[in-house]
Full PDB file with SEQRES, HELIX, SHEET, SSBOND, CRYST1, ORIGX, SCALE, CONECT and MASTER records, all heavy atoms in Angstrom:
SEQRES   1 A   33  GLY ASN GLY ASN ASP THR THR LEU LEU LEU SER LEU PHE          
SEQRES   2 A   33  SER PHE CYS TYR PHE VAL GLY ARG LEU GLY GLY GLY ALA          
SEQRES   3 A   33  VAL PRO GLU TYR PHE VAL ARG                                  
HELIX    1 AA1 THR A    7  VAL A   32  1                                  26    
CRYST1    1.000    1.000    1.000  90.00  90.00  90.00 P 1           1          
ORIGX1      1.000000  0.000000  0.000000        0.00000                         
ORIGX2      0.000000  1.000000  0.000000        0.00000                         
ORIGX3      0.000000  0.000000  1.000000        0.00000                         
SCALE1      1.000000  0.000000  0.000000        0.00000                         
SCALE2      0.000000  1.000000  0.000000        0.00000                         
SCALE3      0.000000  0.000000  1.000000        0.00000                         
ATOM      1  N   GLY A   1     -71.658  46.467-131.505  1.00  0.00           N  
ATOM      2  CA  GLY A   1     -72.096  47.852-131.326  1.00  0.00           C  
ATOM      3  C   GLY A   1     -73.503  48.197-131.226  1.00  0.00           C  
ATOM      4  O   GLY A   1     -73.956  49.264-131.484  1.00  0.00           O  
ATOM      5  N   ASN A   2     -74.326  47.153-130.829  1.00  0.00           N  
ATOM      6  CA  ASN A   2     -75.769  47.380-130.703  1.00  0.00           C  
ATOM      7  C   ASN A   2     -76.183  47.914-129.312  1.00  0.00           C  
ATOM      8  O   ASN A   2     -77.323  48.124-129.054  1.00  0.00           O  
ATOM      9  CB  ASN A   2     -76.525  46.101-131.014  1.00  0.00           C  
ATOM     10  CG  ASN A   2     -77.963  46.306-131.205  1.00  0.00           C  
ATOM     11  OD1 ASN A   2     -78.334  47.108-132.049  1.00  0.00           O  
ATOM     12  ND2 ASN A   2     -78.828  45.567-130.568  1.00  0.00           N  
ATOM     13  N   GLY A   3     -75.158  48.120-128.461  1.00  0.00           N  
ATOM     14  CA  GLY A   3     -75.431  48.677-127.174  1.00  0.00           C  
ATOM     15  C   GLY A   3     -75.950  47.584-126.289  1.00  0.00           C  
ATOM     16  O   GLY A   3     -76.071  46.438-126.528  1.00  0.00           O  
ATOM     17  N   ASN A   4     -76.369  48.046-124.988  1.00  0.00           N  
ATOM     18  CA  ASN A   4     -76.985  47.127-124.033  1.00  0.00           C  
ATOM     19  C   ASN A   4     -78.351  46.740-124.346  1.00  0.00           C  
ATOM     20  O   ASN A   4     -78.899  45.749-123.762  1.00  0.00           O  
ATOM     21  CB  ASN A   4     -76.786  47.616-122.666  1.00  0.00           C  
ATOM     22  CG  ASN A   4     -75.404  47.744-122.168  1.00  0.00           C  
ATOM     23  OD1 ASN A   4     -74.624  46.819-122.470  1.00  0.00           O  
ATOM     24  ND2 ASN A   4     -75.043  48.796-121.550  1.00  0.00           N  
ATOM     25  N   ASP A   5     -79.090  47.520-125.139  1.00  0.00           N  
ATOM     26  CA  ASP A   5     -80.536  47.320-125.367  1.00  0.00           C  
ATOM     27  C   ASP A   5     -80.676  46.360-126.631  1.00  0.00           C  
ATOM     28  O   ASP A   5     -80.467  46.792-127.756  1.00  0.00           O  
ATOM     29  CB  ASP A   5     -81.253  48.611-125.685  1.00  0.00           C  
ATOM     30  CG  ASP A   5     -82.745  48.375-125.733  1.00  0.00           C  
ATOM     31  OD1 ASP A   5     -83.234  47.295-125.539  1.00  0.00           O  
ATOM     32  OD2 ASP A   5     -83.431  49.331-126.220  1.00  0.00           O  
ATOM     33  N   THR A   6     -80.848  45.128-126.330  1.00  0.00           N  
ATOM     34  CA  THR A   6     -81.066  44.124-127.418  1.00  0.00           C  
ATOM     35  C   THR A   6     -82.513  43.692-127.544  1.00  0.00           C  
ATOM     36  O   THR A   6     -82.782  42.634-128.209  1.00  0.00           O  
ATOM     37  CB  THR A   6     -80.208  42.911-127.146  1.00  0.00           C  
ATOM     38  OG1 THR A   6     -80.658  42.339-125.853  1.00  0.00           O  
ATOM     39  CG2 THR A   6     -78.700  43.297-127.140  1.00  0.00           C  
ATOM     40  N   THR A   7     -83.452  44.437-127.014  1.00  0.00           N  
ATOM     41  CA  THR A   7     -84.916  44.005-127.076  1.00  0.00           C  
ATOM     42  C   THR A   7     -85.392  43.881-128.494  1.00  0.00           C  
ATOM     43  O   THR A   7     -85.964  42.903-128.924  1.00  0.00           O  
ATOM     44  CB  THR A   7     -85.764  45.102-126.396  1.00  0.00           C  
ATOM     45  OG1 THR A   7     -85.356  45.306-125.075  1.00  0.00           O  
ATOM     46  CG2 THR A   7     -87.183  44.697-126.413  1.00  0.00           C  
ATOM     47  N   LEU A   8     -85.016  44.910-129.371  1.00  0.00           N  
ATOM     48  CA  LEU A   8     -85.457  44.739-130.771  1.00  0.00           C  
ATOM     49  C   LEU A   8     -84.820  43.519-131.536  1.00  0.00           C  
ATOM     50  O   LEU A   8     -85.455  42.932-132.327  1.00  0.00           O  
ATOM     51  CB  LEU A   8     -85.102  46.050-131.581  1.00  0.00           C  
ATOM     52  CG  LEU A   8     -85.478  46.160-132.970  1.00  0.00           C  
ATOM     53  CD1 LEU A   8     -87.051  45.937-133.157  1.00  0.00           C  
ATOM     54  CD2 LEU A   8     -85.109  47.389-133.606  1.00  0.00           C  
ATOM     55  N   LEU A   9     -83.521  43.347-131.174  1.00  0.00           N  
ATOM     56  CA  LEU A   9     -82.855  42.246-131.786  1.00  0.00           C  
ATOM     57  C   LEU A   9     -83.489  40.918-131.415  1.00  0.00           C  
ATOM     58  O   LEU A   9     -83.686  40.067-132.292  1.00  0.00           O  
ATOM     59  CB  LEU A   9     -81.376  42.213-131.390  1.00  0.00           C  
ATOM     60  CG  LEU A   9     -80.377  41.476-132.211  1.00  0.00           C  
ATOM     61  CD1 LEU A   9     -80.282  42.085-133.660  1.00  0.00           C  
ATOM     62  CD2 LEU A   9     -78.966  41.506-131.654  1.00  0.00           C  
ATOM     63  N   LEU A  10     -83.758  40.787-130.132  1.00  0.00           N  
ATOM     64  CA  LEU A  10     -84.466  39.590-129.670  1.00  0.00           C  
ATOM     65  C   LEU A  10     -85.920  39.417-130.292  1.00  0.00           C  
ATOM     66  O   LEU A  10     -86.298  38.341-130.656  1.00  0.00           O  
ATOM     67  CB  LEU A  10     -84.515  39.610-128.139  1.00  0.00           C  
ATOM     68  CG  LEU A  10     -83.206  39.483-127.407  1.00  0.00           C  
ATOM     69  CD1 LEU A  10     -83.441  39.771-125.887  1.00  0.00           C  
ATOM     70  CD2 LEU A  10     -82.643  38.063-127.530  1.00  0.00           C  
ATOM     71  N   SER A  11     -86.615  40.508-130.337  1.00  0.00           N  
ATOM     72  CA  SER A  11     -87.969  40.403-130.968  1.00  0.00           C  
ATOM     73  C   SER A  11     -87.810  40.097-132.424  1.00  0.00           C  
ATOM     74  O   SER A  11     -88.709  39.271-132.900  1.00  0.00           O  
ATOM     75  CB  SER A  11     -88.654  41.810-130.729  1.00  0.00           C  
ATOM     76  OG  SER A  11     -88.780  42.086-129.429  1.00  0.00           O  
ATOM     77  N   LEU A  12     -86.852  40.642-133.069  1.00  0.00           N  
ATOM     78  CA  LEU A  12     -86.659  40.275-134.534  1.00  0.00           C  
ATOM     79  C   LEU A  12     -86.406  38.825-134.726  1.00  0.00           C  
ATOM     80  O   LEU A  12     -86.968  38.153-135.581  1.00  0.00           O  
ATOM     81  CB  LEU A  12     -85.631  41.162-135.157  1.00  0.00           C  
ATOM     82  CG  LEU A  12     -85.142  40.821-136.475  1.00  0.00           C  
ATOM     83  CD1 LEU A  12     -86.277  41.144-137.545  1.00  0.00           C  
ATOM     84  CD2 LEU A  12     -83.886  41.609-136.920  1.00  0.00           C  
ATOM     85  N   PHE A  13     -85.480  38.310-133.886  1.00  0.00           N  
ATOM     86  CA  PHE A  13     -85.166  36.902-134.040  1.00  0.00           C  
ATOM     87  C   PHE A  13     -86.357  36.038-133.737  1.00  0.00           C  
ATOM     88  O   PHE A  13     -86.583  35.058-134.392  1.00  0.00           O  
ATOM     89  CB  PHE A  13     -84.005  36.605-133.110  1.00  0.00           C  
ATOM     90  CG  PHE A  13     -83.514  35.093-133.199  1.00  0.00           C  
ATOM     91  CD1 PHE A  13     -82.548  34.740-134.099  1.00  0.00           C  
ATOM     92  CD2 PHE A  13     -84.140  34.122-132.415  1.00  0.00           C  
ATOM     93  CE1 PHE A  13     -82.185  33.452-134.222  1.00  0.00           C  
ATOM     94  CE2 PHE A  13     -83.747  32.826-132.526  1.00  0.00           C  
ATOM     95  CZ  PHE A  13     -82.702  32.459-133.458  1.00  0.00           C  
ATOM     96  N   SER A  14     -87.084  36.356-132.644  1.00  0.00           N  
ATOM     97  CA  SER A  14     -88.271  35.541-132.298  1.00  0.00           C  
ATOM     98  C   SER A  14     -89.287  35.493-133.383  1.00  0.00           C  
ATOM     99  O   SER A  14     -89.833  34.423-133.716  1.00  0.00           O  
ATOM    100  CB  SER A  14     -88.885  36.152-131.027  1.00  0.00           C  
ATOM    101  OG  SER A  14     -90.050  35.414-130.692  1.00  0.00           O  
ATOM    102  N   PHE A  15     -89.619  36.664-133.999  1.00  0.00           N  
ATOM    103  CA  PHE A  15     -90.571  36.685-135.129  1.00  0.00           C  
ATOM    104  C   PHE A  15     -90.120  35.832-136.295  1.00  0.00           C  
ATOM    105  O   PHE A  15     -90.802  35.098-136.886  1.00  0.00           O  
ATOM    106  CB  PHE A  15     -90.901  38.048-135.460  1.00  0.00           C  
ATOM    107  CG  PHE A  15     -91.877  38.229-136.630  1.00  0.00           C  
ATOM    108  CD1 PHE A  15     -93.175  37.857-136.370  1.00  0.00           C  
ATOM    109  CD2 PHE A  15     -91.548  38.613-137.913  1.00  0.00           C  
ATOM    110  CE1 PHE A  15     -94.108  37.963-137.507  1.00  0.00           C  
ATOM    111  CE2 PHE A  15     -92.350  38.671-138.933  1.00  0.00           C  
ATOM    112  CZ  PHE A  15     -93.724  38.384-138.663  1.00  0.00           C  
ATOM    113  N   CYS A  16     -88.843  36.136-136.682  1.00  0.00           N  
ATOM    114  CA  CYS A  16     -88.256  35.354-137.871  1.00  0.00           C  
ATOM    115  C   CYS A  16     -88.140  33.848-137.563  1.00  0.00           C  
ATOM    116  O   CYS A  16     -88.399  33.072-138.511  1.00  0.00           O  
ATOM    117  CB  CYS A  16     -86.866  35.920-138.231  1.00  0.00           C  
ATOM    118  SG  CYS A  16     -86.970  37.625-138.885  1.00  0.00           S  
ATOM    119  N   TYR A  17     -87.970  33.455-136.289  1.00  0.00           N  
ATOM    120  CA  TYR A  17     -87.868  32.080-135.914  1.00  0.00           C  
ATOM    121  C   TYR A  17     -89.310  31.452-136.159  1.00  0.00           C  
ATOM    122  O   TYR A  17     -89.431  30.370-136.626  1.00  0.00           O  
ATOM    123  CB  TYR A  17     -87.497  31.992-134.496  1.00  0.00           C  
ATOM    124  CG  TYR A  17     -87.344  30.615-133.920  1.00  0.00           C  
ATOM    125  CD1 TYR A  17     -86.694  29.560-134.687  1.00  0.00           C  
ATOM    126  CD2 TYR A  17     -87.721  30.333-132.636  1.00  0.00           C  
ATOM    127  CE1 TYR A  17     -86.529  28.316-134.153  1.00  0.00           C  
ATOM    128  CE2 TYR A  17     -87.538  29.044-132.011  1.00  0.00           C  
ATOM    129  CZ  TYR A  17     -86.962  28.120-132.834  1.00  0.00           C  
ATOM    130  OH  TYR A  17     -86.814  26.813-132.339  1.00  0.00           O  
ATOM    131  N   PHE A  18     -90.301  32.244-135.754  1.00  0.00           N  
ATOM    132  CA  PHE A  18     -91.693  31.812-135.974  1.00  0.00           C  
ATOM    133  C   PHE A  18     -91.978  31.544-137.520  1.00  0.00           C  
ATOM    134  O   PHE A  18     -92.569  30.569-137.928  1.00  0.00           O  
ATOM    135  CB  PHE A  18     -92.662  32.674-135.382  1.00  0.00           C  
ATOM    136  CG  PHE A  18     -94.047  32.687-135.964  1.00  0.00           C  
ATOM    137  CD1 PHE A  18     -94.892  31.602-135.677  1.00  0.00           C  
ATOM    138  CD2 PHE A  18     -94.522  33.671-136.691  1.00  0.00           C  
ATOM    139  CE1 PHE A  18     -96.171  31.530-136.140  1.00  0.00           C  
ATOM    140  CE2 PHE A  18     -95.868  33.633-137.177  1.00  0.00           C  
ATOM    141  CZ  PHE A  18     -96.641  32.531-136.983  1.00  0.00           C  
ATOM    142  N   VAL A  19     -91.645  32.614-138.262  1.00  0.00           N  
ATOM    143  CA  VAL A  19     -91.846  32.565-139.729  1.00  0.00           C  
ATOM    144  C   VAL A  19     -91.109  31.315-140.307  1.00  0.00           C  
ATOM    145  O   VAL A  19     -91.690  30.664-141.213  1.00  0.00           O  
ATOM    146  CB  VAL A  19     -91.364  33.846-140.353  1.00  0.00           C  
ATOM    147  CG1 VAL A  19     -91.427  33.722-141.945  1.00  0.00           C  
ATOM    148  CG2 VAL A  19     -92.231  35.124-139.944  1.00  0.00           C  
ATOM    149  N   GLY A  20     -89.917  31.057-139.838  1.00  0.00           N  
ATOM    150  CA  GLY A  20     -89.135  29.920-140.370  1.00  0.00           C  
ATOM    151  C   GLY A  20     -89.876  28.615-140.010  1.00  0.00           C  
ATOM    152  O   GLY A  20     -89.922  27.728-140.858  1.00  0.00           O  
ATOM    153  N   ARG A  21     -90.385  28.509-138.845  1.00  0.00           N  
ATOM    154  CA  ARG A  21     -91.071  27.270-138.466  1.00  0.00           C  
ATOM    155  C   ARG A  21     -92.381  27.102-139.253  1.00  0.00           C  
ATOM    156  O   ARG A  21     -92.669  25.981-139.706  1.00  0.00           O  
ATOM    157  CB  ARG A  21     -91.413  27.279-136.897  1.00  0.00           C  
ATOM    158  CG  ARG A  21     -90.179  27.047-136.058  1.00  0.00           C  
ATOM    159  CD  ARG A  21     -90.628  26.828-134.626  1.00  0.00           C  
ATOM    160  NE  ARG A  21     -89.470  26.337-133.794  1.00  0.00           N  
ATOM    161  CZ  ARG A  21     -89.663  25.849-132.554  1.00  0.00           C  
ATOM    162  NH1 ARG A  21     -90.825  25.859-131.988  1.00  0.00           N  
ATOM    163  NH2 ARG A  21     -88.608  25.350-131.911  1.00  0.00           N  
ATOM    164  N   LEU A  22     -93.175  28.114-139.358  1.00  0.00           N  
ATOM    165  CA  LEU A  22     -94.397  28.019-140.174  1.00  0.00           C  
ATOM    166  C   LEU A  22     -94.091  27.758-141.658  1.00  0.00           C  
ATOM    167  O   LEU A  22     -94.769  26.917-142.252  1.00  0.00           O  
ATOM    168  CB  LEU A  22     -95.117  29.343-139.970  1.00  0.00           C  
ATOM    169  CG  LEU A  22     -96.591  29.342-140.424  1.00  0.00           C  
ATOM    170  CD1 LEU A  22     -97.429  28.352-139.456  1.00  0.00           C  
ATOM    171  CD2 LEU A  22     -97.204  30.708-140.316  1.00  0.00           C  
ATOM    172  N   GLY A  23     -93.155  28.549-142.170  1.00  0.00           N  
ATOM    173  CA  GLY A  23     -92.838  28.379-143.626  1.00  0.00           C  
ATOM    174  C   GLY A  23     -92.201  27.011-143.847  1.00  0.00           C  
ATOM    175  O   GLY A  23     -92.389  26.415-144.995  1.00  0.00           O  
ATOM    176  N   GLY A  24     -91.423  26.559-142.879  1.00  0.00           N  
ATOM    177  CA  GLY A  24     -90.729  25.246-143.013  1.00  0.00           C  
ATOM    178  C   GLY A  24     -91.746  24.097-143.106  1.00  0.00           C  
ATOM    179  O   GLY A  24     -91.260  22.973-143.494  1.00  0.00           O  
ATOM    180  N   GLY A  25     -92.961  24.280-142.735  1.00  0.00           N  
ATOM    181  CA  GLY A  25     -93.955  23.368-142.857  1.00  0.00           C  
ATOM    182  C   GLY A  25     -94.709  23.412-144.120  1.00  0.00           C  
ATOM    183  O   GLY A  25     -94.936  22.497-144.868  1.00  0.00           O  
ATOM    184  N   ALA A  26     -95.106  24.682-144.504  1.00  0.00           N  
ATOM    185  CA  ALA A  26     -95.958  24.954-145.612  1.00  0.00           C  
ATOM    186  C   ALA A  26     -95.233  24.849-146.980  1.00  0.00           C  
ATOM    187  O   ALA A  26     -95.758  24.221-147.890  1.00  0.00           O  
ATOM    188  CB  ALA A  26     -96.527  26.310-145.418  1.00  0.00           C  
ATOM    189  N   VAL A  27     -94.084  25.471-147.105  1.00  0.00           N  
ATOM    190  CA  VAL A  27     -93.394  25.481-148.391  1.00  0.00           C  
ATOM    191  C   VAL A  27     -92.970  24.031-148.817  1.00  0.00           C  
ATOM    192  O   VAL A  27     -93.211  23.697-149.886  1.00  0.00           O  
ATOM    193  CB  VAL A  27     -92.150  26.508-148.369  1.00  0.00           C  
ATOM    194  CG1 VAL A  27     -91.405  26.444-149.731  1.00  0.00           C  
ATOM    195  CG2 VAL A  27     -92.697  27.932-148.130  1.00  0.00           C  
ATOM    196  N   PRO A  28     -92.125  23.377-148.069  1.00  0.00           N  
ATOM    197  CA  PRO A  28     -91.847  21.978-148.471  1.00  0.00           C  
ATOM    198  C   PRO A  28     -93.028  21.133-148.710  1.00  0.00           C  
ATOM    199  O   PRO A  28     -93.036  20.246-149.621  1.00  0.00           O  
ATOM    200  CB  PRO A  28     -90.960  21.537-147.186  1.00  0.00           C  
ATOM    201  CG  PRO A  28     -90.471  22.708-146.553  1.00  0.00           C  
ATOM    202  CD  PRO A  28     -91.632  23.728-146.746  1.00  0.00           C  
ATOM    203  N   GLU A  29     -94.153  21.324-147.935  1.00  0.00           N  
ATOM    204  CA  GLU A  29     -95.383  20.604-148.198  1.00  0.00           C  
ATOM    205  C   GLU A  29     -95.871  20.766-149.648  1.00  0.00           C  
ATOM    206  O   GLU A  29     -96.306  19.796-150.278  1.00  0.00           O  
ATOM    207  CB  GLU A  29     -96.448  20.991-147.162  1.00  0.00           C  
ATOM    208  CG  GLU A  29     -97.670  20.105-147.185  1.00  0.00           C  
ATOM    209  CD  GLU A  29     -97.585  18.754-146.525  1.00  0.00           C  
ATOM    210  OE1 GLU A  29     -96.529  18.667-145.798  1.00  0.00           O  
ATOM    211  OE2 GLU A  29     -98.441  17.949-146.717  1.00  0.00           O  
ATOM    212  N   TYR A  30     -95.840  21.977-150.125  1.00  0.00           N  
ATOM    213  CA  TYR A  30     -96.242  22.247-151.466  1.00  0.00           C  
ATOM    214  C   TYR A  30     -95.284  21.536-152.456  1.00  0.00           C  
ATOM    215  O   TYR A  30     -95.876  20.929-153.458  1.00  0.00           O  
ATOM    216  CB  TYR A  30     -96.238  23.747-151.730  1.00  0.00           C  
ATOM    217  CG  TYR A  30     -96.530  24.121-153.150  1.00  0.00           C  
ATOM    218  CD1 TYR A  30     -97.806  24.072-153.688  1.00  0.00           C  
ATOM    219  CD2 TYR A  30     -95.448  24.514-153.985  1.00  0.00           C  
ATOM    220  CE1 TYR A  30     -98.012  24.421-155.017  1.00  0.00           C  
ATOM    221  CE2 TYR A  30     -95.696  24.790-155.391  1.00  0.00           C  
ATOM    222  CZ  TYR A  30     -96.975  24.779-155.807  1.00  0.00           C  
ATOM    223  OH  TYR A  30     -97.139  25.034-157.215  1.00  0.00           O  
ATOM    224  N   PHE A  31     -94.083  21.700-152.354  1.00  0.00           N  
ATOM    225  CA  PHE A  31     -93.093  21.162-153.304  1.00  0.00           C  
ATOM    226  C   PHE A  31     -92.989  19.604-153.278  1.00  0.00           C  
ATOM    227  O   PHE A  31     -92.701  18.998-154.263  1.00  0.00           O  
ATOM    228  CB  PHE A  31     -91.759  21.759-153.137  1.00  0.00           C  
ATOM    229  CG  PHE A  31     -91.673  23.144-153.806  1.00  0.00           C  
ATOM    230  CD1 PHE A  31     -91.911  24.291-152.930  1.00  0.00           C  
ATOM    231  CD2 PHE A  31     -91.547  23.328-155.133  1.00  0.00           C  
ATOM    232  CE1 PHE A  31     -91.815  25.543-153.492  1.00  0.00           C  
ATOM    233  CE2 PHE A  31     -91.389  24.619-155.663  1.00  0.00           C  
ATOM    234  CZ  PHE A  31     -91.599  25.738-154.848  1.00  0.00           C  
ATOM    235  N   VAL A  32     -93.208  19.007-152.031  1.00  0.00           N  
ATOM    236  CA  VAL A  32     -93.150  17.650-152.000  1.00  0.00           C  
ATOM    237  C   VAL A  32     -94.385  17.022-152.731  1.00  0.00           C  
ATOM    238  O   VAL A  32     -94.278  15.846-153.278  1.00  0.00           O  
ATOM    239  CB  VAL A  32     -93.121  17.171-150.525  1.00  0.00           C  
ATOM    240  CG1 VAL A  32     -94.514  17.173-149.898  1.00  0.00           C  
ATOM    241  CG2 VAL A  32     -92.627  15.697-150.361  1.00  0.00           C  
ATOM    242  N   ARG A  33     -95.485  17.747-152.801  1.00  0.00           N  
ATOM    243  CA  ARG A  33     -96.628  17.300-153.516  1.00  0.00           C  
ATOM    244  C   ARG A  33     -96.673  17.488-155.007  1.00  0.00           C  
ATOM    245  O   ARG A  33     -97.057  16.741-155.779  1.00  0.00           O  
ATOM    246  CB  ARG A  33     -97.917  17.813-152.822  1.00  0.00           C  
ATOM    247  CG  ARG A  33     -98.125  17.346-151.442  1.00  0.00           C  
ATOM    248  CD  ARG A  33     -99.398  17.822-150.828  1.00  0.00           C  
ATOM    249  NE  ARG A  33     -99.576  17.289-149.453  1.00  0.00           N  
ATOM    250  CZ  ARG A  33    -100.002  16.060-149.233  1.00  0.00           C  
ATOM    251  NH1 ARG A  33    -100.345  15.320-150.159  1.00  0.00           N  
ATOM    252  NH2 ARG A  33    -100.130  15.629-147.903  1.00  0.00           N  
TER     253      ARG A  33                                                      
MASTER        0    0    0    1    0    0    0    6  252    1    0    3          
END                                                                             
């Protein structure tokens, strides 16, 4: 039911994907040390 305009959904996923990649490097790096 999000309609045909999924621009915001795609932008949200893209940004969160970036946060996950960045955090997936920094957070485990802290705890592994």
